[in-house]
Amino acid sequence: MRIILCGFGVVAQSFSELLESRTHDLYSKFGLNPRIVGVFDTKGCAYNEAGLDLKKLNKKWTSFSIG
């Protein structure tokens, strides 16, 4: 499952953190392998077909005050 987030404010950042912490459970219980492949807002965007590194994304996005 590929996910693109429109906006990366408090809700999207919380969702990405939750997704990161629960990815193993989603795969083992439901066979889902979700990954955030894109994020964009009015200040910029990030995209990687293989999936974004959520820890780096949260850190970078917050440091640039985007969201």
N, C-alpha and C. Protein backbone atom coordinates (compact mmCIF):
# COMPACT_ATOMS: atom_id res chain seq x y z
N MET A 1 0.85 -1.16 0.00
CA MET A 1 0.00 0.00 0.00
C MET A 1 0.90 1.24 0.00
N ARG A 2 0.76 2.05 -1.03
CA ARG A 2 1.53 3.30 -1.13
C ARG A 2 0.64 4.46 -0.71
N ILE A 3 1.19 5.35 0.10
CA ILE A 3 0.43 6.48 0.65
C ILE A 3 1.15 7.77 0.30
N ILE A 4 0.37 8.76 -0.14
CA ILE A 4 0.87 10.11 -0.36
C ILE A 4 0.07 11.03 0.56
N LEU A 5 0.77 11.85 1.33
CA LEU A 5 0.12 12.77 2.26
C LEU A 5 0.08 14.17 1.68
N CYS A 6 -1.08 14.75 1.71
CA CYS A 6 -1.27 16.14 1.28
C CYS A 6 -1.23 16.99 2.54
N GLY A 7 -0.10 17.66 2.75
CA GLY A 7 0.11 18.41 3.98
C GLY A 7 0.90 17.54 4.96
N PHE A 8 1.66 18.18 5.81
CA PHE A 8 2.44 17.43 6.79
C PHE A 8 2.45 18.18 8.11
N GLY A 9 1.27 18.49 8.58
CA GLY A 9 1.10 19.17 9.85
C GLY A 9 1.05 18.17 10.99
N VAL A 10 0.43 18.55 12.07
CA VAL A 10 0.38 17.73 13.28
C VAL A 10 -0.29 16.38 13.02
N VAL A 11 -1.40 16.37 12.31
CA VAL A 11 -2.13 15.13 12.06
C VAL A 11 -1.30 14.18 11.19
N ALA A 12 -0.76 14.66 10.10
CA ALA A 12 0.02 13.81 9.20
C ALA A 12 1.30 13.32 9.87
N GLN A 13 1.95 14.16 10.66
CA GLN A 13 3.16 13.73 11.36
C GLN A 13 2.82 12.66 12.39
N SER A 14 1.72 12.83 13.10
CA SER A 14 1.29 11.82 14.07
C SER A 14 0.94 10.52 13.37
N PHE A 15 0.25 10.63 12.22
CA PHE A 15 -0.09 9.45 11.44
C PHE A 15 1.18 8.72 10.98
N SER A 16 2.17 9.44 10.53
CA SER A 16 3.40 8.81 10.05
C SER A 16 4.14 8.11 11.20
N GLU A 17 4.12 8.71 12.38
CA GLU A 17 4.75 8.09 13.55
C GLU A 17 3.99 6.82 13.95
N LEU A 18 2.67 6.89 13.93
CA LEU A 18 1.84 5.73 14.25
C LEU A 18 2.07 4.62 13.23
N LEU A 19 2.09 4.97 11.97
CA LEU A 19 2.31 4.00 10.91
C LEU A 19 3.68 3.32 11.07
N GLU A 20 4.68 4.13 11.37
CA GLU A 20 6.02 3.58 11.56
C GLU A 20 6.06 2.57 12.71
N SER A 21 5.37 2.88 13.78
CA SER A 21 5.40 2.00 14.95
C SER A 21 4.52 0.76 14.79
N ARG A 22 3.54 0.80 13.87
CA ARG A 22 2.60 -0.31 13.73
C ARG A 22 2.73 -1.09 12.41
N THR A 23 3.72 -0.77 11.60
CA THR A 23 3.86 -1.42 10.29
C THR A 23 3.97 -2.94 10.44
N HIS A 24 4.75 -3.40 11.38
CA HIS A 24 4.91 -4.85 11.58
C HIS A 24 3.57 -5.51 11.91
N ASP A 25 2.80 -4.89 12.80
CA ASP A 25 1.49 -5.43 13.18
C ASP A 25 0.54 -5.48 11.98
N LEU A 26 0.54 -4.43 11.18
CA LEU A 26 -0.35 -4.39 10.01
C LEU A 26 0.00 -5.50 9.02
N TYR A 27 1.29 -5.79 8.89
CA TYR A 27 1.69 -6.85 7.98
C TYR A 27 1.35 -8.23 8.54
N SER A 28 1.67 -8.45 9.81
CA SER A 28 1.44 -9.78 10.40
C SER A 28 -0.05 -10.10 10.55
N LYS A 29 -0.88 -9.12 10.84
CA LYS A 29 -2.31 -9.38 11.05
C LYS A 29 -3.12 -9.33 9.76
N PHE A 30 -2.77 -8.42 8.85
CA PHE A 30 -3.61 -8.17 7.68
C PHE A 30 -2.89 -8.33 6.33
N GLY A 31 -1.59 -8.58 6.37
CA GLY A 31 -0.83 -8.70 5.14
C GLY A 31 -0.59 -7.38 4.43
N LEU A 32 -0.74 -6.27 5.15
CA LEU A 32 -0.54 -4.95 4.58
C LEU A 32 0.89 -4.48 4.82
N ASN A 33 1.48 -3.89 3.80
CA ASN A 33 2.82 -3.32 3.92
C ASN A 33 2.74 -1.85 3.51
N PRO A 34 2.13 -1.01 4.38
CA PRO A 34 1.97 0.40 4.01
C PRO A 34 3.29 1.15 4.05
N ARG A 35 3.44 2.08 3.12
CA ARG A 35 4.61 2.95 3.13
C ARG A 35 4.21 4.31 2.58
N ILE A 36 4.73 5.33 3.21
CA ILE A 36 4.49 6.69 2.73
C ILE A 36 5.52 6.96 1.66
N VAL A 37 5.05 7.16 0.43
CA VAL A 37 5.96 7.38 -0.69
C VAL A 37 6.07 8.85 -1.08
N GLY A 38 5.13 9.68 -0.60
CA GLY A 38 5.17 11.08 -0.95
C GLY A 38 4.49 11.96 0.08
N VAL A 39 5.02 13.16 0.22
CA VAL A 39 4.47 14.17 1.11
C VAL A 39 4.64 15.51 0.41
N PHE A 40 3.60 16.33 0.46
CA PHE A 40 3.75 17.67 -0.09
C PHE A 40 2.88 18.66 0.68
N ASP A 41 3.30 19.90 0.66
CA ASP A 41 2.51 21.01 1.19
C ASP A 41 2.93 22.26 0.43
N THR A 42 2.55 23.42 0.93
CA THR A 42 2.83 24.66 0.21
C THR A 42 4.31 25.03 0.21
N LYS A 43 5.09 24.42 1.06
CA LYS A 43 6.52 24.76 1.19
C LYS A 43 7.45 23.80 0.44
N GLY A 44 6.94 22.63 0.04
CA GLY A 44 7.83 21.69 -0.64
C GLY A 44 7.24 20.30 -0.72
N CYS A 45 8.07 19.38 -1.18
CA CYS A 45 7.61 18.00 -1.31
C CYS A 45 8.77 17.03 -1.16
N ALA A 46 8.43 15.78 -0.90
CA ALA A 46 9.40 14.69 -0.83
C ALA A 46 8.74 13.48 -1.44
N TYR A 47 9.50 12.71 -2.23
CA TYR A 47 8.94 11.54 -2.89
C TYR A 47 10.02 10.47 -3.06
N ASN A 48 9.65 9.23 -2.80
CA ASN A 48 10.54 8.10 -3.07
C ASN A 48 9.64 6.89 -3.28
N GLU A 49 9.68 6.31 -4.46
CA GLU A 49 8.82 5.17 -4.80
C GLU A 49 8.97 4.01 -3.82
N ALA A 50 10.17 3.83 -3.30
CA ALA A 50 10.43 2.73 -2.36
C ALA A 50 9.90 3.03 -0.96
N GLY A 51 9.53 4.28 -0.69
CA GLY A 51 9.06 4.68 0.63
C GLY A 51 10.04 5.64 1.27
N LEU A 52 9.50 6.61 1.96
CA LEU A 52 10.33 7.61 2.63
C LEU A 52 10.78 7.10 4.00
N ASP A 53 11.95 7.51 4.42
CA ASP A 53 12.44 7.21 5.76
C ASP A 53 11.70 8.15 6.71
N LEU A 54 10.76 7.62 7.47
CA LEU A 54 9.86 8.46 8.27
C LEU A 54 10.58 9.18 9.41
N LYS A 55 11.58 8.55 9.99
CA LYS A 55 12.32 9.24 11.06
C LYS A 55 13.02 10.47 10.51
N LYS A 56 13.70 10.31 9.37
CA LYS A 56 14.38 11.44 8.75
C LYS A 56 13.37 12.48 8.28
N LEU A 57 12.27 12.03 7.72
CA LEU A 57 11.25 12.94 7.22
C LEU A 57 10.69 13.81 8.35
N ASN A 58 10.32 13.19 9.46
CA ASN A 58 9.78 13.94 10.58
C ASN A 58 10.79 14.95 11.11
N LYS A 59 12.05 14.54 11.20
CA LYS A 59 13.08 15.43 11.71
C LYS A 59 13.32 16.60 10.76
N LYS A 60 13.49 16.34 9.47
CA LYS A 60 13.76 17.38 8.48
C LYS A 60 12.57 18.32 8.35
N TRP A 61 11.37 17.77 8.22
CA TRP A 61 10.19 18.60 7.99
C TRP A 61 9.99 19.55 9.16
N THR A 62 10.17 19.04 10.39
CA THR A 62 10.01 19.87 11.57
C THR A 62 11.08 20.94 11.65
N SER A 63 12.31 20.61 11.28
CA SER A 63 13.38 21.59 11.37
C SER A 63 13.22 22.73 10.37
N PHE A 64 12.52 22.45 9.26
CA PHE A 64 12.26 23.51 8.29
C PHE A 64 10.94 24.23 8.55
N SER A 65 10.25 23.84 9.61
CA SER A 65 8.96 24.44 9.99
C SER A 65 7.94 24.37 8.87
N ILE A 66 7.95 23.27 8.17
CA ILE A 66 6.96 23.07 7.11
C ILE A 66 5.83 22.27 7.72
N GLY A 67 4.61 22.66 7.40
CA GLY A 67 3.49 21.87 7.89
C GLY A 67 2.41 22.69 8.45
